[in-house]
N, C-alpha and C. Protein backbone atom coordinates (compact mmCIF):
# COMPACT_ATOMS: atom_id res chain seq x y z
N MET A 1 -15.45 -5.44 -8.67
CA MET A 1 -16.87 -5.76 -8.59
C MET A 1 -17.52 -5.68 -9.96
N ARG A 2 -17.06 -4.75 -10.80
CA ARG A 2 -17.63 -4.64 -12.15
C ARG A 2 -17.43 -5.94 -12.92
N GLU A 3 -16.24 -6.54 -12.79
CA GLU A 3 -15.97 -7.79 -13.49
C GLU A 3 -16.90 -8.90 -12.99
N GLU A 4 -17.12 -8.94 -11.68
CA GLU A 4 -18.04 -9.93 -11.12
C GLU A 4 -19.43 -9.77 -11.70
N LEU A 5 -19.90 -8.54 -11.74
CA LEU A 5 -21.26 -8.29 -12.22
C LEU A 5 -21.38 -8.57 -13.71
N ASP A 6 -20.32 -8.26 -14.47
CA ASP A 6 -20.33 -8.58 -15.90
C ASP A 6 -20.43 -10.09 -16.11
N ARG A 7 -19.73 -10.83 -15.25
CA ARG A 7 -19.68 -12.29 -15.38
C ARG A 7 -20.97 -12.94 -14.91
N LEU A 8 -21.56 -12.40 -13.83
CA LEU A 8 -22.69 -13.06 -13.21
C LEU A 8 -24.04 -12.44 -13.57
N GLY A 9 -24.03 -11.20 -13.97
CA GLY A 9 -25.29 -10.47 -14.14
C GLY A 9 -25.92 -10.55 -15.50
N GLY A 10 -25.20 -11.09 -16.48
CA GLY A 10 -25.76 -11.21 -17.82
C GLY A 10 -26.20 -9.87 -18.38
N THR A 11 -27.37 -9.85 -18.96
CA THR A 11 -27.87 -8.61 -19.58
C THR A 11 -28.22 -7.54 -18.55
N ASP A 12 -28.30 -7.93 -17.27
CA ASP A 12 -28.62 -6.96 -16.21
C ASP A 12 -27.37 -6.31 -15.61
N ALA A 13 -26.19 -6.64 -16.13
CA ALA A 13 -24.95 -6.22 -15.49
C ALA A 13 -24.86 -4.70 -15.32
N ASP A 14 -25.19 -3.96 -16.36
CA ASP A 14 -25.08 -2.49 -16.26
C ASP A 14 -26.02 -1.94 -15.19
N LYS A 15 -27.24 -2.44 -15.18
CA LYS A 15 -28.23 -1.96 -14.20
C LYS A 15 -27.78 -2.33 -12.78
N LEU A 16 -27.27 -3.54 -12.61
CA LEU A 16 -26.81 -3.98 -11.29
C LEU A 16 -25.63 -3.14 -10.83
N HIS A 17 -24.72 -2.84 -11.75
CA HIS A 17 -23.56 -2.03 -11.39
C HIS A 17 -23.99 -0.64 -10.95
N ALA A 18 -24.94 -0.07 -11.63
CA ALA A 18 -25.44 1.26 -11.25
C ALA A 18 -26.06 1.22 -9.86
N ARG A 19 -26.78 0.15 -9.56
CA ARG A 19 -27.40 0.02 -8.23
C ARG A 19 -26.34 -0.12 -7.14
N VAL A 20 -25.30 -0.88 -7.43
CA VAL A 20 -24.23 -1.04 -6.44
C VAL A 20 -23.52 0.29 -6.19
N LEU A 21 -23.28 1.04 -7.24
CA LEU A 21 -22.66 2.36 -7.05
C LEU A 21 -23.55 3.27 -6.21
N GLU A 22 -24.84 3.21 -6.44
CA GLU A 22 -25.79 3.99 -5.65
C GLU A 22 -25.73 3.57 -4.18
N ALA A 23 -25.65 2.26 -3.95
CA ALA A 23 -25.57 1.74 -2.58
C ALA A 23 -24.26 2.15 -1.92
N ALA A 24 -23.18 2.11 -2.68
CA ALA A 24 -21.88 2.51 -2.12
C ALA A 24 -21.89 3.98 -1.71
N ASP A 25 -22.53 4.82 -2.52
CA ASP A 25 -22.65 6.23 -2.17
C ASP A 25 -23.47 6.40 -0.89
N ALA A 26 -24.56 5.64 -0.77
CA ALA A 26 -25.39 5.71 0.43
C ALA A 26 -24.61 5.26 1.65
N TYR A 27 -23.86 4.19 1.52
CA TYR A 27 -23.05 3.69 2.63
C TYR A 27 -22.02 4.74 3.06
N SER A 28 -21.34 5.34 2.08
CA SER A 28 -20.32 6.34 2.39
C SER A 28 -20.92 7.57 3.07
N ALA A 29 -22.18 7.85 2.77
CA ALA A 29 -22.86 9.01 3.36
C ALA A 29 -23.51 8.68 4.70
N GLY A 30 -23.32 7.45 5.19
CA GLY A 30 -23.89 7.07 6.47
C GLY A 30 -25.35 6.65 6.39
N ARG A 31 -25.82 6.37 5.18
CA ARG A 31 -27.21 5.94 5.01
C ARG A 31 -27.24 4.44 4.74
N GLU A 32 -26.80 3.67 5.76
CA GLU A 32 -26.68 2.23 5.57
C GLU A 32 -28.03 1.55 5.30
N ARG A 33 -29.11 2.08 5.85
CA ARG A 33 -30.41 1.45 5.59
C ARG A 33 -30.81 1.59 4.12
N ASP A 34 -30.48 2.72 3.52
CA ASP A 34 -30.71 2.86 2.08
C ASP A 34 -29.84 1.88 1.31
N ALA A 35 -28.59 1.73 1.74
CA ALA A 35 -27.70 0.79 1.08
C ALA A 35 -28.26 -0.63 1.15
N ILE A 36 -28.79 -1.00 2.30
CA ILE A 36 -29.37 -2.34 2.47
C ILE A 36 -30.56 -2.52 1.53
N ARG A 37 -31.42 -1.52 1.49
CA ARG A 37 -32.61 -1.61 0.64
C ARG A 37 -32.22 -1.79 -0.83
N ILE A 38 -31.17 -1.12 -1.25
CA ILE A 38 -30.73 -1.22 -2.64
C ILE A 38 -30.03 -2.55 -2.91
N LEU A 39 -29.24 -3.01 -1.96
CA LEU A 39 -28.36 -4.17 -2.20
C LEU A 39 -29.06 -5.52 -2.06
N GLU A 40 -30.08 -5.60 -1.24
CA GLU A 40 -30.72 -6.91 -1.04
C GLU A 40 -31.22 -7.52 -2.34
N PRO A 41 -31.93 -6.77 -3.21
CA PRO A 41 -32.34 -7.37 -4.48
C PRO A 41 -31.15 -7.71 -5.39
N VAL A 42 -30.08 -6.93 -5.31
CA VAL A 42 -28.89 -7.23 -6.11
C VAL A 42 -28.26 -8.53 -5.63
N ARG A 43 -28.15 -8.69 -4.31
CA ARG A 43 -27.64 -9.93 -3.73
C ARG A 43 -28.47 -11.13 -4.18
N ASP A 44 -29.79 -10.98 -4.18
CA ASP A 44 -30.66 -12.07 -4.58
C ASP A 44 -30.49 -12.41 -6.06
N ARG A 45 -30.19 -11.40 -6.86
CA ARG A 45 -29.99 -11.63 -8.30
C ARG A 45 -28.64 -12.26 -8.60
N VAL A 46 -27.59 -11.84 -7.88
CA VAL A 46 -26.24 -12.36 -8.12
C VAL A 46 -25.63 -12.79 -6.78
N PRO A 47 -26.10 -13.88 -6.18
CA PRO A 47 -25.61 -14.28 -4.86
C PRO A 47 -24.12 -14.66 -4.83
N GLY A 48 -23.56 -14.91 -5.99
CA GLY A 48 -22.15 -15.28 -6.03
C GLY A 48 -21.20 -14.10 -6.18
N ALA A 49 -21.71 -12.88 -6.11
CA ALA A 49 -20.87 -11.68 -6.24
C ALA A 49 -20.30 -11.31 -4.88
N ALA A 50 -19.02 -11.61 -4.68
CA ALA A 50 -18.39 -11.39 -3.37
C ALA A 50 -18.45 -9.93 -2.94
N GLY A 51 -18.23 -9.02 -3.87
CA GLY A 51 -18.22 -7.60 -3.52
C GLY A 51 -19.56 -7.11 -3.04
N VAL A 52 -20.63 -7.64 -3.63
CA VAL A 52 -21.98 -7.27 -3.19
C VAL A 52 -22.22 -7.80 -1.78
N ARG A 53 -21.83 -9.06 -1.54
CA ARG A 53 -22.01 -9.65 -0.19
C ARG A 53 -21.22 -8.86 0.84
N GLU A 54 -20.02 -8.40 0.46
CA GLU A 54 -19.19 -7.62 1.39
C GLU A 54 -19.86 -6.31 1.76
N LEU A 55 -20.28 -5.55 0.77
CA LEU A 55 -20.89 -4.23 1.04
C LEU A 55 -22.20 -4.38 1.80
N LEU A 56 -22.99 -5.39 1.46
CA LEU A 56 -24.24 -5.61 2.18
C LEU A 56 -23.94 -6.01 3.63
N GLY A 57 -22.94 -6.87 3.84
CA GLY A 57 -22.57 -7.26 5.20
C GLY A 57 -22.13 -6.07 6.03
N LEU A 58 -21.32 -5.20 5.43
CA LEU A 58 -20.87 -4.02 6.17
C LEU A 58 -22.03 -3.08 6.47
N SER A 59 -22.97 -3.00 5.56
CA SER A 59 -24.15 -2.15 5.79
C SER A 59 -24.99 -2.71 6.93
N TYR A 60 -25.22 -4.01 6.93
CA TYR A 60 -25.93 -4.63 8.05
C TYR A 60 -25.19 -4.39 9.37
N TYR A 61 -23.88 -4.53 9.33
CA TYR A 61 -23.08 -4.35 10.55
C TYR A 61 -23.24 -2.94 11.10
N ARG A 62 -23.14 -1.98 10.22
CA ARG A 62 -23.26 -0.59 10.68
C ARG A 62 -24.66 -0.30 11.21
N ALA A 63 -25.65 -1.02 10.70
CA ALA A 63 -27.03 -0.85 11.17
C ALA A 63 -27.31 -1.64 12.45
N GLY A 64 -26.32 -2.37 12.95
CA GLY A 64 -26.49 -3.14 14.17
C GLY A 64 -27.19 -4.47 13.96
N ARG A 65 -27.29 -4.92 12.72
CA ARG A 65 -27.94 -6.20 12.41
C ARG A 65 -26.84 -7.26 12.29
N TYR A 66 -26.35 -7.71 13.42
CA TYR A 66 -25.12 -8.50 13.44
C TYR A 66 -25.28 -9.89 12.86
N ARG A 67 -26.42 -10.52 13.09
CA ARG A 67 -26.62 -11.86 12.53
C ARG A 67 -26.64 -11.80 11.00
N ALA A 68 -27.38 -10.84 10.45
CA ALA A 68 -27.43 -10.69 9.00
C ALA A 68 -26.06 -10.32 8.44
N ALA A 69 -25.34 -9.45 9.14
CA ALA A 69 -24.00 -9.09 8.71
C ALA A 69 -23.09 -10.30 8.70
N ARG A 70 -23.18 -11.11 9.74
CA ARG A 70 -22.34 -12.30 9.82
C ARG A 70 -22.60 -13.24 8.65
N GLN A 71 -23.86 -13.43 8.31
CA GLN A 71 -24.20 -14.33 7.20
C GLN A 71 -23.60 -13.84 5.88
N GLU A 72 -23.69 -12.55 5.64
CA GLU A 72 -23.14 -12.00 4.40
C GLU A 72 -21.62 -12.07 4.38
N LEU A 73 -20.98 -11.75 5.50
CA LEU A 73 -19.53 -11.71 5.53
C LEU A 73 -18.92 -13.11 5.52
N VAL A 74 -19.63 -14.10 6.04
CA VAL A 74 -19.19 -15.49 5.89
C VAL A 74 -19.17 -15.85 4.41
N GLU A 75 -20.20 -15.46 3.69
CA GLU A 75 -20.25 -15.74 2.26
C GLU A 75 -19.17 -14.97 1.51
N PHE A 76 -18.93 -13.72 1.90
CA PHE A 76 -17.86 -12.95 1.27
C PHE A 76 -16.52 -13.65 1.44
N ALA A 77 -16.24 -14.11 2.66
CA ALA A 77 -14.96 -14.79 2.92
C ALA A 77 -14.86 -16.08 2.12
N ARG A 78 -15.96 -16.80 2.01
CA ARG A 78 -15.94 -18.06 1.25
C ARG A 78 -15.72 -17.81 -0.23
N LEU A 79 -16.43 -16.83 -0.77
CA LEU A 79 -16.35 -16.56 -2.21
C LEU A 79 -15.02 -15.95 -2.60
N SER A 80 -14.51 -15.07 -1.77
CA SER A 80 -13.29 -14.32 -2.11
C SER A 80 -12.02 -14.96 -1.58
N ARG A 81 -12.18 -15.89 -0.63
CA ARG A 81 -11.04 -16.49 0.08
C ARG A 81 -10.16 -15.40 0.69
N SER A 82 -10.82 -14.38 1.20
CA SER A 82 -10.14 -13.21 1.76
C SER A 82 -10.42 -13.12 3.26
N THR A 83 -9.45 -12.60 3.99
CA THR A 83 -9.63 -12.31 5.42
C THR A 83 -9.83 -10.82 5.67
N ASP A 84 -10.08 -10.06 4.61
CA ASP A 84 -10.14 -8.60 4.75
C ASP A 84 -11.21 -8.13 5.72
N GLN A 85 -12.29 -8.87 5.85
CA GLN A 85 -13.36 -8.46 6.76
C GLN A 85 -13.43 -9.33 8.00
N HIS A 86 -12.37 -10.08 8.28
CA HIS A 86 -12.37 -10.93 9.48
C HIS A 86 -12.59 -10.14 10.77
N PRO A 87 -11.98 -8.96 10.95
CA PRO A 87 -12.25 -8.23 12.20
C PRO A 87 -13.73 -7.90 12.38
N VAL A 88 -14.41 -7.50 11.31
CA VAL A 88 -15.84 -7.20 11.40
C VAL A 88 -16.62 -8.48 11.66
N LEU A 89 -16.25 -9.54 10.95
CA LEU A 89 -16.92 -10.82 11.16
C LEU A 89 -16.72 -11.32 12.59
N MET A 90 -15.52 -11.16 13.12
CA MET A 90 -15.26 -11.51 14.51
C MET A 90 -16.17 -10.74 15.45
N ASP A 91 -16.36 -9.45 15.17
CA ASP A 91 -17.20 -8.62 16.05
C ASP A 91 -18.66 -9.05 15.97
N CYS A 92 -19.09 -9.54 14.80
CA CYS A 92 -20.45 -10.07 14.69
C CYS A 92 -20.62 -11.29 15.58
N TYR A 93 -19.65 -12.21 15.53
CA TYR A 93 -19.71 -13.38 16.40
C TYR A 93 -19.62 -12.97 17.87
N ARG A 94 -18.83 -11.95 18.14
CA ARG A 94 -18.73 -11.45 19.52
C ARG A 94 -20.09 -10.94 19.99
N ALA A 95 -20.80 -10.23 19.14
CA ALA A 95 -22.12 -9.71 19.50
C ALA A 95 -23.10 -10.85 19.79
N GLU A 96 -22.90 -11.98 19.13
CA GLU A 96 -23.74 -13.16 19.36
C GLU A 96 -23.20 -14.03 20.49
N ARG A 97 -22.09 -13.59 21.10
CA ARG A 97 -21.42 -14.32 22.18
C ARG A 97 -20.98 -15.72 21.75
N ARG A 98 -20.58 -15.82 20.49
CA ARG A 98 -20.03 -17.07 19.95
C ARG A 98 -18.51 -16.94 19.97
N PHE A 99 -17.98 -17.03 21.18
CA PHE A 99 -16.58 -16.67 21.40
C PHE A 99 -15.59 -17.66 20.78
N GLN A 100 -15.99 -18.91 20.64
CA GLN A 100 -15.09 -19.87 20.00
C GLN A 100 -14.83 -19.48 18.55
N ARG A 101 -15.86 -19.02 17.86
CA ARG A 101 -15.67 -18.58 16.47
C ARG A 101 -14.80 -17.34 16.40
N VAL A 102 -14.93 -16.44 17.38
CA VAL A 102 -14.03 -15.28 17.43
C VAL A 102 -12.59 -15.75 17.51
N ASP A 103 -12.32 -16.70 18.39
CA ASP A 103 -10.96 -17.21 18.55
C ASP A 103 -10.46 -17.87 17.27
N GLU A 104 -11.31 -18.64 16.62
CA GLU A 104 -10.90 -19.34 15.40
C GLU A 104 -10.57 -18.35 14.28
N LEU A 105 -11.39 -17.33 14.12
CA LEU A 105 -11.13 -16.33 13.09
C LEU A 105 -9.89 -15.51 13.41
N TRP A 106 -9.66 -15.25 14.69
CA TRP A 106 -8.45 -14.53 15.09
C TRP A 106 -7.21 -15.34 14.72
N GLU A 107 -7.24 -16.64 14.94
CA GLU A 107 -6.10 -17.48 14.58
C GLU A 107 -5.89 -17.49 13.07
N GLU A 108 -6.98 -17.53 12.31
CA GLU A 108 -6.87 -17.46 10.85
C GLU A 108 -6.23 -16.15 10.42
N LEU A 109 -6.68 -15.06 11.01
CA LEU A 109 -6.16 -13.74 10.64
C LEU A 109 -4.69 -13.63 10.98
N ARG A 110 -4.31 -14.10 12.15
CA ARG A 110 -2.89 -14.05 12.55
C ARG A 110 -2.03 -14.87 11.60
N ALA A 111 -2.53 -16.03 11.19
CA ALA A 111 -1.75 -16.91 10.33
C ALA A 111 -1.52 -16.29 8.96
N VAL A 112 -2.55 -15.62 8.43
CA VAL A 112 -2.44 -15.01 7.11
C VAL A 112 -1.70 -13.68 7.18
N SER A 113 -1.91 -12.94 8.25
CA SER A 113 -1.29 -11.64 8.50
C SER A 113 -1.40 -10.73 7.27
N PRO A 114 -2.62 -10.31 6.91
CA PRO A 114 -2.82 -9.55 5.67
C PRO A 114 -2.29 -8.12 5.70
N GLY A 115 -1.94 -7.62 6.86
CA GLY A 115 -1.43 -6.26 6.99
C GLY A 115 -1.60 -5.79 8.41
N PRO A 116 -0.74 -4.87 8.87
CA PRO A 116 -0.79 -4.48 10.28
C PRO A 116 -2.12 -3.90 10.73
N ALA A 117 -2.76 -3.09 9.91
CA ALA A 117 -4.02 -2.46 10.34
C ALA A 117 -5.09 -3.52 10.59
N LEU A 118 -5.23 -4.48 9.68
CA LEU A 118 -6.25 -5.52 9.85
C LEU A 118 -5.94 -6.40 11.06
N VAL A 119 -4.67 -6.74 11.24
CA VAL A 119 -4.31 -7.61 12.36
C VAL A 119 -4.55 -6.88 13.69
N VAL A 120 -4.24 -5.60 13.74
CA VAL A 120 -4.51 -4.83 14.96
C VAL A 120 -6.00 -4.80 15.26
N GLU A 121 -6.82 -4.57 14.22
CA GLU A 121 -8.27 -4.56 14.44
C GLU A 121 -8.75 -5.91 14.96
N GLY A 122 -8.23 -6.99 14.38
CA GLY A 122 -8.60 -8.31 14.86
C GLY A 122 -8.16 -8.54 16.29
N ARG A 123 -6.98 -8.07 16.63
CA ARG A 123 -6.47 -8.22 18.00
C ARG A 123 -7.37 -7.48 18.99
N ILE A 124 -7.83 -6.28 18.62
CA ILE A 124 -8.70 -5.51 19.49
C ILE A 124 -10.02 -6.25 19.73
N VAL A 125 -10.59 -6.82 18.66
CA VAL A 125 -11.85 -7.56 18.81
C VAL A 125 -11.64 -8.81 19.66
N ALA A 126 -10.54 -9.52 19.40
CA ALA A 126 -10.27 -10.74 20.17
C ALA A 126 -10.11 -10.41 21.66
N ALA A 127 -9.43 -9.31 21.95
CA ALA A 127 -9.27 -8.90 23.35
C ALA A 127 -10.60 -8.49 23.95
N GLY A 128 -11.43 -7.82 23.17
CA GLY A 128 -12.75 -7.43 23.67
C GLY A 128 -13.61 -8.64 24.00
N ALA A 129 -13.48 -9.68 23.18
CA ALA A 129 -14.24 -10.91 23.45
C ALA A 129 -13.78 -11.56 24.75
N LEU A 130 -12.48 -11.55 24.99
CA LEU A 130 -11.96 -12.08 26.26
C LEU A 130 -12.50 -11.27 27.44
N ALA A 131 -12.51 -9.95 27.29
CA ALA A 131 -13.03 -9.10 28.37
C ALA A 131 -14.52 -9.35 28.60
N ASP A 132 -15.26 -9.61 27.53
CA ASP A 132 -16.69 -9.92 27.67
C ASP A 132 -16.91 -11.15 28.55
N GLN A 133 -15.92 -12.03 28.56
CA GLN A 133 -16.01 -13.25 29.36
C GLN A 133 -15.35 -13.10 30.73
N GLY A 134 -14.96 -11.86 31.07
CA GLY A 134 -14.34 -11.60 32.36
C GLY A 134 -12.87 -11.92 32.41
N GLU A 135 -12.25 -12.21 31.26
CA GLU A 135 -10.83 -12.58 31.20
C GLU A 135 -9.98 -11.34 30.93
N PHE A 136 -10.01 -10.41 31.89
CA PHE A 136 -9.31 -9.14 31.66
C PHE A 136 -7.80 -9.32 31.58
N ASP A 137 -7.23 -10.19 32.39
CA ASP A 137 -5.78 -10.40 32.34
C ASP A 137 -5.34 -10.89 30.97
N LYS A 138 -6.07 -11.87 30.43
CA LYS A 138 -5.74 -12.39 29.10
C LYS A 138 -5.93 -11.32 28.03
N ALA A 139 -7.00 -10.55 28.15
CA ALA A 139 -7.27 -9.50 27.17
C ALA A 139 -6.15 -8.46 27.18
N ILE A 140 -5.73 -8.06 28.36
CA ILE A 140 -4.67 -7.07 28.47
C ILE A 140 -3.35 -7.61 27.92
N ARG A 141 -3.06 -8.87 28.20
CA ARG A 141 -1.82 -9.47 27.67
C ARG A 141 -1.83 -9.50 26.15
N LEU A 142 -3.00 -9.81 25.59
CA LEU A 142 -3.10 -9.88 24.13
C LEU A 142 -2.79 -8.53 23.49
N LEU A 143 -3.30 -7.46 24.06
CA LEU A 143 -3.03 -6.14 23.51
C LEU A 143 -1.62 -5.67 23.85
N ASP A 144 -1.15 -6.02 25.03
CA ASP A 144 0.20 -5.62 25.44
C ASP A 144 1.27 -6.18 24.51
N GLN A 145 1.03 -7.37 23.95
CA GLN A 145 2.00 -7.96 23.05
C GLN A 145 2.32 -7.03 21.89
N ARG A 146 1.31 -6.33 21.42
CA ARG A 146 1.51 -5.37 20.34
C ARG A 146 1.86 -3.99 20.86
N ALA A 147 1.24 -3.59 21.97
CA ALA A 147 1.42 -2.22 22.48
C ALA A 147 2.88 -1.95 22.83
N ARG A 148 3.59 -2.96 23.29
CA ARG A 148 5.00 -2.77 23.65
C ARG A 148 5.85 -2.40 22.44
N LYS A 149 5.34 -2.70 21.24
CA LYS A 149 6.10 -2.42 20.01
C LYS A 149 5.68 -1.11 19.35
N VAL A 150 4.67 -0.45 19.89
CA VAL A 150 4.15 0.77 19.27
C VAL A 150 5.15 1.91 19.41
N ARG A 151 5.56 2.46 18.28
CA ARG A 151 6.46 3.60 18.29
C ARG A 151 5.91 4.76 17.47
N SER A 152 4.79 4.55 16.81
CA SER A 152 4.23 5.56 15.91
C SER A 152 2.90 6.07 16.45
N ALA A 153 2.32 6.99 15.69
CA ALA A 153 0.98 7.50 16.03
C ALA A 153 0.02 7.15 14.91
N SER A 154 0.18 5.95 14.34
CA SER A 154 -0.73 5.52 13.28
C SER A 154 -2.12 5.32 13.88
N PRO A 155 -3.17 5.51 13.09
CA PRO A 155 -4.53 5.35 13.63
C PRO A 155 -4.76 3.98 14.26
N GLU A 156 -4.24 2.92 13.63
CA GLU A 156 -4.49 1.59 14.20
C GLU A 156 -3.77 1.39 15.53
N ASP A 157 -2.55 1.93 15.65
CA ASP A 157 -1.84 1.80 16.92
C ASP A 157 -2.49 2.63 18.02
N LEU A 158 -2.98 3.80 17.67
CA LEU A 158 -3.67 4.62 18.66
C LEU A 158 -4.98 3.96 19.10
N ARG A 159 -5.65 3.30 18.16
CA ARG A 159 -6.87 2.57 18.53
C ARG A 159 -6.55 1.42 19.48
N LEU A 160 -5.42 0.76 19.23
CA LEU A 160 -5.02 -0.33 20.12
C LEU A 160 -4.70 0.20 21.52
N LEU A 161 -3.96 1.32 21.59
CA LEU A 161 -3.65 1.90 22.90
C LEU A 161 -4.93 2.34 23.62
N TYR A 162 -5.89 2.87 22.86
CA TYR A 162 -7.16 3.27 23.45
C TYR A 162 -7.88 2.05 24.03
N ALA A 163 -7.92 0.97 23.25
CA ALA A 163 -8.59 -0.24 23.73
C ALA A 163 -7.90 -0.79 24.97
N LEU A 164 -6.58 -0.71 25.00
CA LEU A 164 -5.83 -1.19 26.16
C LEU A 164 -6.10 -0.30 27.37
N ALA A 165 -6.16 1.01 27.16
CA ALA A 165 -6.49 1.93 28.25
C ALA A 165 -7.88 1.62 28.81
N ASP A 166 -8.82 1.35 27.93
CA ASP A 166 -10.18 1.02 28.36
C ASP A 166 -10.18 -0.24 29.23
N LEU A 167 -9.42 -1.25 28.82
CA LEU A 167 -9.35 -2.49 29.59
C LEU A 167 -8.75 -2.25 30.97
N HIS A 168 -7.70 -1.45 31.02
CA HIS A 168 -7.08 -1.15 32.31
C HIS A 168 -8.05 -0.39 33.22
N GLU A 169 -8.80 0.55 32.64
CA GLU A 169 -9.77 1.28 33.45
C GLU A 169 -10.85 0.34 33.97
N ARG A 170 -11.36 -0.53 33.10
CA ARG A 170 -12.41 -1.46 33.51
C ARG A 170 -11.93 -2.47 34.55
N SER A 171 -10.63 -2.79 34.51
CA SER A 171 -10.09 -3.75 35.47
C SER A 171 -9.64 -3.09 36.77
N GLY A 172 -9.69 -1.74 36.81
CA GLY A 172 -9.37 -1.02 38.04
C GLY A 172 -7.98 -0.44 38.12
N ASP A 173 -7.16 -0.61 37.07
CA ASP A 173 -5.81 -0.06 37.07
C ASP A 173 -5.86 1.35 36.47
N LEU A 174 -6.28 2.31 37.29
CA LEU A 174 -6.51 3.66 36.78
C LEU A 174 -5.22 4.39 36.40
N PRO A 175 -4.12 4.24 37.14
CA PRO A 175 -2.89 4.93 36.71
C PRO A 175 -2.42 4.49 35.32
N ARG A 176 -2.48 3.18 35.06
CA ARG A 176 -2.07 2.69 33.74
C ARG A 176 -3.04 3.17 32.67
N ALA A 177 -4.32 3.18 32.98
CA ALA A 177 -5.31 3.68 32.02
C ALA A 177 -5.03 5.14 31.70
N ARG A 178 -4.73 5.92 32.73
CA ARG A 178 -4.46 7.34 32.53
C ARG A 178 -3.24 7.55 31.62
N ALA A 179 -2.18 6.78 31.86
CA ALA A 179 -0.96 6.92 31.06
C ALA A 179 -1.22 6.57 29.60
N LEU A 180 -2.03 5.56 29.36
CA LEU A 180 -2.31 5.15 27.99
C LEU A 180 -3.22 6.15 27.29
N PHE A 181 -4.23 6.66 27.99
CA PHE A 181 -5.07 7.69 27.39
C PHE A 181 -4.24 8.93 27.04
N GLU A 182 -3.26 9.24 27.87
CA GLU A 182 -2.38 10.37 27.57
C GLU A 182 -1.63 10.14 26.26
N ARG A 183 -1.16 8.92 26.03
CA ARG A 183 -0.45 8.62 24.78
C ARG A 183 -1.36 8.77 23.57
N VAL A 184 -2.62 8.36 23.74
CA VAL A 184 -3.57 8.50 22.63
C VAL A 184 -3.81 9.97 22.34
N VAL A 185 -4.00 10.77 23.36
CA VAL A 185 -4.26 12.20 23.18
C VAL A 185 -3.06 12.87 22.54
N GLU A 186 -1.86 12.51 22.96
CA GLU A 186 -0.65 13.07 22.36
C GLU A 186 -0.54 12.72 20.88
N GLY A 187 -1.00 11.51 20.53
CA GLY A 187 -0.91 11.06 19.14
C GLY A 187 -1.92 11.73 18.24
N ASP A 188 -3.17 11.83 18.70
CA ASP A 188 -4.23 12.45 17.91
C ASP A 188 -5.43 12.66 18.83
N ARG A 189 -5.59 13.86 19.33
CA ARG A 189 -6.63 14.12 20.32
C ARG A 189 -8.03 14.08 19.72
N ASP A 190 -8.14 14.09 18.38
CA ASP A 190 -9.45 14.09 17.74
C ASP A 190 -9.88 12.70 17.26
N LEU A 191 -9.03 11.70 17.45
CA LEU A 191 -9.32 10.37 16.92
C LEU A 191 -10.42 9.67 17.70
N THR A 192 -10.44 9.84 19.02
CA THR A 192 -11.39 9.16 19.89
C THR A 192 -11.87 10.14 20.95
N ASP A 193 -12.59 9.62 21.94
CA ASP A 193 -13.00 10.44 23.08
C ASP A 193 -11.97 10.35 24.21
N ALA A 194 -10.72 10.01 23.85
CA ALA A 194 -9.67 9.88 24.86
C ALA A 194 -9.50 11.14 25.71
N PRO A 195 -9.60 12.37 25.16
CA PRO A 195 -9.47 13.54 26.02
C PRO A 195 -10.51 13.56 27.15
N GLU A 196 -11.74 13.20 26.82
CA GLU A 196 -12.79 13.17 27.84
C GLU A 196 -12.55 12.04 28.85
N ARG A 197 -12.12 10.89 28.35
CA ARG A 197 -11.84 9.77 29.24
C ARG A 197 -10.68 10.13 30.19
N LEU A 198 -9.68 10.81 29.64
CA LEU A 198 -8.53 11.20 30.47
C LEU A 198 -8.95 12.22 31.52
N ALA A 199 -9.76 13.19 31.12
CA ALA A 199 -10.21 14.20 32.08
C ALA A 199 -11.02 13.56 33.21
N ALA A 200 -11.78 12.53 32.90
CA ALA A 200 -12.59 11.88 33.92
C ALA A 200 -11.72 11.12 34.93
N LEU A 201 -10.49 10.79 34.53
CA LEU A 201 -9.59 10.07 35.41
C LEU A 201 -8.65 10.99 36.20
N ALA A 202 -8.73 12.28 35.92
CA ALA A 202 -7.81 13.23 36.57
C ALA A 202 -8.09 13.33 38.06
């Protein structure tokens, strides 16, 4: 990001970089509204800075401003030619119930396959979008394709198992939901609210 700001910010580069660092600290501390307040003028000054668009998009997303987040993350993807934020961008489109765009971005992410954690996150969002449309069987199959291969207790795999357990519970298959929540608890009982969800199914 420093190189971007040096290239695009001219004589303001140092000041802009300091503001971005301040915004990044605010974002890390859970003060996304402060991050937004700091970053919006920076974005307006250097609209071609992909890193600024990314951080601002993530801040909007965390604040629940999905349309604004989507606009920033679309620009981030265009400027950077990166799929790194596709799962978040997919979730923004999901919040707007633009399910065709969710599917299109999921196919892009699968084709590029930037890494297992990102692909798993995208798979979870894609399955959630199917469930939003009442397509629970399709959503479960999409997660099952990966869940059958899970042999570790990595955070992304446990998140996938949790999402699959949630789908099974919502579709009425309580024994399968219970078994999956048990696997999540065995892997890391502090990662999610799986212990409480499991207790409610006892």
